[in-house]
């Protein structure tokens, strides 16, 4: 395997691992309080994994993968924005 190809395969696996961690974080947080919740870390792992997978998709020039990850990033950023503004309003 060429060095460039190996690096991109590793980037893809790192992105997938980051993206998968969001489910582990959500599961553990929900188990702790015995109800379903989505902790803030879920959205940060979503953002990190989605951005890394988007880079991989761009490298692979896969328009379906690019669109899916690109649109997902909008959702993750919006949720983090809503969390931040909700906290600011609660503090006011």
N, C-alpha and C. Protein backbone atom coordinates (compact mmCIF):
# COMPACT_ATOMS: atom_id res chain seq x y z
N UNK A 1 0.86 -1.18 0.00
CA UNK A 1 0.00 0.00 0.00
C UNK A 1 0.90 1.24 0.00
N UNK A 2 0.57 2.20 -0.85
CA UNK A 2 1.37 3.41 -0.93
C UNK A 2 1.19 4.24 0.35
N UNK A 3 2.21 5.03 0.66
CA UNK A 3 2.20 5.84 1.88
C UNK A 3 1.00 6.78 1.93
N UNK A 4 0.71 7.46 0.81
CA UNK A 4 -0.42 8.39 0.76
C UNK A 4 -1.74 7.65 0.99
N UNK A 5 -1.89 6.50 0.39
CA UNK A 5 -3.10 5.70 0.56
C UNK A 5 -3.25 5.25 2.00
N UNK A 6 -2.16 4.79 2.60
CA UNK A 6 -2.19 4.35 4.00
C UNK A 6 -2.61 5.49 4.93
N UNK A 7 -2.08 6.66 4.69
CA UNK A 7 -2.43 7.82 5.53
C UNK A 7 -3.93 8.10 5.44
N UNK A 8 -4.49 8.07 4.24
CA UNK A 8 -5.91 8.36 4.08
C UNK A 8 -6.79 7.25 4.65
N UNK A 9 -6.35 6.02 4.57
CA UNK A 9 -7.09 4.93 5.21
C UNK A 9 -7.10 5.14 6.72
N UNK A 10 -5.96 5.54 7.28
CA UNK A 10 -5.89 5.83 8.72
C UNK A 10 -6.80 7.01 9.09
N UNK A 11 -6.81 8.06 8.27
CA UNK A 11 -7.70 9.20 8.51
C UNK A 11 -9.15 8.73 8.53
N UNK A 12 -9.51 7.88 7.58
CA UNK A 12 -10.87 7.34 7.53
C UNK A 12 -11.23 6.55 8.78
N UNK A 13 -10.30 5.70 9.24
CA UNK A 13 -10.58 4.92 10.44
C UNK A 13 -10.63 5.79 11.70
N UNK A 14 -9.78 6.80 11.79
CA UNK A 14 -9.83 7.72 12.93
C UNK A 14 -11.16 8.46 12.95
N UNK A 15 -11.59 8.94 11.79
CA UNK A 15 -12.88 9.62 11.70
C UNK A 15 -14.02 8.71 12.11
N UNK A 16 -13.98 7.46 11.66
CA UNK A 16 -15.04 6.52 12.01
C UNK A 16 -15.02 6.21 13.50
N UNK A 17 -13.83 6.11 14.09
CA UNK A 17 -13.72 5.85 15.53
C UNK A 17 -14.29 7.02 16.33
N UNK A 18 -13.94 8.25 15.93
CA UNK A 18 -14.48 9.44 16.61
C UNK A 18 -15.99 9.49 16.48
N UNK A 19 -16.49 9.22 15.29
CA UNK A 19 -17.93 9.25 15.04
C UNK A 19 -18.64 8.18 15.88
N UNK A 20 -18.04 7.01 16.00
CA UNK A 20 -18.64 5.92 16.78
C UNK A 20 -18.63 6.21 18.28
N UNK A 21 -17.63 6.94 18.75
CA UNK A 21 -17.55 7.26 20.18
C UNK A 21 -18.76 8.03 20.68
N UNK A 22 -19.43 8.76 19.81
CA UNK A 22 -20.60 9.51 20.25
C UNK A 22 -21.67 8.58 20.79
N UNK A 23 -21.81 7.39 20.19
CA UNK A 23 -22.81 6.44 20.67
C UNK A 23 -22.40 5.84 22.01
N UNK A 24 -21.12 5.62 22.20
CA UNK A 24 -20.63 5.09 23.48
C UNK A 24 -20.89 6.13 24.58
N UNK A 25 -20.57 7.39 24.30
CA UNK A 25 -20.78 8.46 25.27
C UNK A 25 -22.27 8.59 25.62
N UNK A 26 -23.13 8.53 24.61
CA UNK A 26 -24.57 8.65 24.83
C UNK A 26 -25.09 7.47 25.65
N UNK A 27 -24.64 6.29 25.34
CA UNK A 27 -25.07 5.08 26.04
C UNK A 27 -24.68 5.14 27.51
N UNK A 28 -23.41 5.48 27.79
CA UNK A 28 -22.93 5.53 29.18
C UNK A 28 -23.69 6.60 29.97
N UNK A 29 -23.87 7.79 29.36
CA UNK A 29 -24.57 8.86 30.06
C UNK A 29 -26.02 8.46 30.37
N UNK A 30 -26.67 7.81 29.43
CA UNK A 30 -28.05 7.37 29.65
C UNK A 30 -28.14 6.28 30.71
N UNK A 31 -27.20 5.35 30.69
CA UNK A 31 -27.20 4.28 31.69
C UNK A 31 -27.00 4.83 33.10
N UNK A 32 -26.18 5.85 33.22
CA UNK A 32 -25.91 6.43 34.54
C UNK A 32 -27.16 7.01 35.19
N UNK A 33 -28.00 7.64 34.39
CA UNK A 33 -29.19 8.27 34.98
C UNK A 33 -30.47 7.49 34.68
N UNK A 34 -30.33 6.38 34.01
CA UNK A 34 -31.46 5.47 33.72
C UNK A 34 -32.56 6.11 32.88
N UNK A 35 -32.16 7.03 31.98
CA UNK A 35 -33.07 7.58 30.98
C UNK A 35 -32.25 8.06 29.80
N UNK A 36 -32.88 8.16 28.66
CA UNK A 36 -32.16 8.53 27.45
C UNK A 36 -31.86 10.03 27.43
N UNK A 37 -30.58 10.35 27.27
CA UNK A 37 -30.16 11.75 27.14
C UNK A 37 -29.10 11.83 26.05
N UNK A 38 -28.86 13.04 25.59
CA UNK A 38 -27.77 13.28 24.64
C UNK A 38 -26.85 14.31 25.28
N UNK A 39 -25.70 13.87 25.79
CA UNK A 39 -24.77 14.81 26.43
C UNK A 39 -24.06 15.68 25.39
N UNK A 40 -23.51 16.79 25.83
CA UNK A 40 -22.80 17.71 24.94
C UNK A 40 -21.64 17.02 24.23
N UNK A 41 -20.97 16.09 24.90
CA UNK A 41 -19.85 15.37 24.28
C UNK A 41 -20.28 14.62 23.03
N UNK A 42 -21.54 14.19 22.97
CA UNK A 42 -22.07 13.52 21.78
C UNK A 42 -21.90 14.41 20.55
N UNK A 43 -22.24 15.70 20.72
CA UNK A 43 -22.16 16.62 19.59
C UNK A 43 -20.72 16.96 19.23
N UNK A 44 -19.83 17.00 20.22
CA UNK A 44 -18.42 17.25 19.91
C UNK A 44 -17.79 16.06 19.17
N UNK A 45 -18.11 14.84 19.59
CA UNK A 45 -17.63 13.68 18.84
C UNK A 45 -18.25 13.63 17.45
N UNK A 46 -19.52 14.01 17.33
CA UNK A 46 -20.16 14.07 16.03
C UNK A 46 -19.44 15.05 15.11
N UNK A 47 -19.12 16.21 15.64
CA UNK A 47 -18.43 17.24 14.88
C UNK A 47 -17.02 16.79 14.47
N UNK A 48 -16.26 16.26 15.41
CA UNK A 48 -14.89 15.81 15.11
C UNK A 48 -14.89 14.65 14.12
N UNK A 49 -15.74 13.67 14.37
CA UNK A 49 -15.81 12.52 13.47
C UNK A 49 -16.34 12.91 12.10
N UNK A 50 -17.37 13.74 12.08
CA UNK A 50 -17.94 14.18 10.81
C UNK A 50 -16.95 14.99 9.98
N UNK A 51 -16.20 15.88 10.62
CA UNK A 51 -15.20 16.69 9.90
C UNK A 51 -14.08 15.82 9.35
N UNK A 52 -13.64 14.85 10.14
CA UNK A 52 -12.58 13.95 9.69
C UNK A 52 -13.07 13.07 8.54
N UNK A 53 -14.29 12.55 8.67
CA UNK A 53 -14.85 11.75 7.59
C UNK A 53 -15.14 12.59 6.35
N UNK A 54 -15.49 13.86 6.52
CA UNK A 54 -15.67 14.73 5.37
C UNK A 54 -14.35 14.91 4.61
N UNK A 55 -13.26 15.10 5.35
CA UNK A 55 -11.94 15.21 4.70
C UNK A 55 -11.63 13.94 3.91
N UNK A 56 -11.92 12.80 4.50
CA UNK A 56 -11.70 11.52 3.82
C UNK A 56 -12.58 11.41 2.57
N UNK A 57 -13.86 11.81 2.69
CA UNK A 57 -14.78 11.75 1.56
C UNK A 57 -14.34 12.67 0.42
N UNK A 58 -13.85 13.85 0.78
CA UNK A 58 -13.34 14.79 -0.23
C UNK A 58 -12.14 14.17 -0.93
N UNK A 59 -11.24 13.58 -0.16
CA UNK A 59 -10.07 12.92 -0.75
C UNK A 59 -10.51 11.81 -1.71
N UNK A 60 -11.52 11.06 -1.34
CA UNK A 60 -12.02 9.96 -2.17
C UNK A 60 -12.90 10.46 -3.31
N UNK A 61 -13.27 11.73 -3.26
CA UNK A 61 -14.13 12.37 -4.27
C UNK A 61 -15.46 11.63 -4.41
N UNK A 62 -16.07 11.34 -3.27
CA UNK A 62 -17.35 10.63 -3.23
C UNK A 62 -18.45 11.64 -2.92
N UNK A 63 -19.23 12.06 -3.92
CA UNK A 63 -20.22 13.11 -3.71
C UNK A 63 -21.32 12.74 -2.72
N UNK A 64 -21.70 11.48 -2.66
CA UNK A 64 -22.75 11.06 -1.71
C UNK A 64 -22.22 11.18 -0.29
N UNK A 65 -21.03 10.68 -0.05
CA UNK A 65 -20.38 10.73 1.26
C UNK A 65 -20.12 12.18 1.67
N UNK A 66 -19.68 13.01 0.71
CA UNK A 66 -19.42 14.43 0.98
C UNK A 66 -20.71 15.13 1.41
N UNK A 67 -21.79 14.92 0.67
CA UNK A 67 -23.06 15.56 1.00
C UNK A 67 -23.57 15.12 2.37
N UNK A 68 -23.48 13.83 2.65
CA UNK A 68 -23.96 13.31 3.93
C UNK A 68 -23.19 13.88 5.11
N UNK A 69 -21.87 13.87 5.02
CA UNK A 69 -21.07 14.38 6.13
C UNK A 69 -21.15 15.90 6.22
N UNK A 70 -21.17 16.58 5.08
CA UNK A 70 -21.25 18.04 5.08
C UNK A 70 -22.53 18.55 5.71
N UNK A 71 -23.66 17.95 5.35
CA UNK A 71 -24.94 18.36 5.93
C UNK A 71 -25.02 17.99 7.41
N UNK A 72 -24.43 16.87 7.79
CA UNK A 72 -24.40 16.49 9.20
C UNK A 72 -23.68 17.51 10.05
N UNK A 73 -22.60 18.09 9.52
CA UNK A 73 -21.84 19.09 10.28
C UNK A 73 -22.72 20.29 10.63
N UNK A 74 -23.62 20.66 9.73
CA UNK A 74 -24.53 21.77 10.00
C UNK A 74 -25.40 21.46 11.22
N UNK A 75 -25.92 20.24 11.28
CA UNK A 75 -26.76 19.82 12.41
C UNK A 75 -25.97 19.83 13.72
N UNK A 76 -24.75 19.30 13.69
CA UNK A 76 -23.93 19.22 14.91
C UNK A 76 -23.59 20.62 15.41
N UNK A 77 -23.20 21.50 14.50
CA UNK A 77 -22.88 22.88 14.89
C UNK A 77 -24.11 23.60 15.43
N UNK A 78 -25.26 23.38 14.82
CA UNK A 78 -26.50 24.02 15.28
C UNK A 78 -26.85 23.56 16.70
N UNK A 79 -26.71 22.27 16.96
CA UNK A 79 -27.01 21.77 18.30
C UNK A 79 -26.06 22.35 19.34
N UNK A 80 -24.79 22.46 19.01
CA UNK A 80 -23.83 23.06 19.95
C UNK A 80 -24.16 24.54 20.18
N UNK A 81 -24.59 25.22 19.12
CA UNK A 81 -25.00 26.63 19.25
C UNK A 81 -26.21 26.75 20.17
N UNK A 82 -27.20 25.88 19.98
CA UNK A 82 -28.40 25.92 20.82
C UNK A 82 -28.08 25.62 22.28
N UNK A 83 -27.16 24.71 22.52
CA UNK A 83 -26.73 24.41 23.90
C UNK A 83 -26.09 25.64 24.52
N UNK A 84 -25.20 26.29 23.76
CA UNK A 84 -24.50 27.47 24.29
C UNK A 84 -25.46 28.62 24.55
N UNK A 85 -26.34 28.91 23.61
CA UNK A 85 -27.27 30.04 23.81
C UNK A 85 -28.28 29.71 24.91
N UNK A 86 -28.65 28.46 25.05
CA UNK A 86 -29.56 28.07 26.13
C UNK A 86 -28.92 28.28 27.49
N UNK A 87 -27.66 27.98 27.60
CA UNK A 87 -26.95 28.21 28.88
C UNK A 87 -26.81 29.68 29.18
N UNK A 88 -26.52 30.47 28.14
CA UNK A 88 -26.38 31.92 28.33
C UNK A 88 -27.69 32.54 28.79
N UNK A 89 -28.80 32.07 28.21
CA UNK A 89 -30.11 32.60 28.62
C UNK A 89 -30.46 32.16 30.04
N UNK A 90 -30.06 30.97 30.42
CA UNK A 90 -30.34 30.47 31.77
C UNK A 90 -29.53 31.25 32.80
N UNK A 91 -28.32 31.68 32.42
CA UNK A 91 -27.46 32.43 33.33
C UNK A 91 -27.91 33.89 33.48
N UNK A 92 -28.67 34.38 32.50
CA UNK A 92 -29.07 35.80 32.50
C UNK A 92 -30.19 36.08 33.47
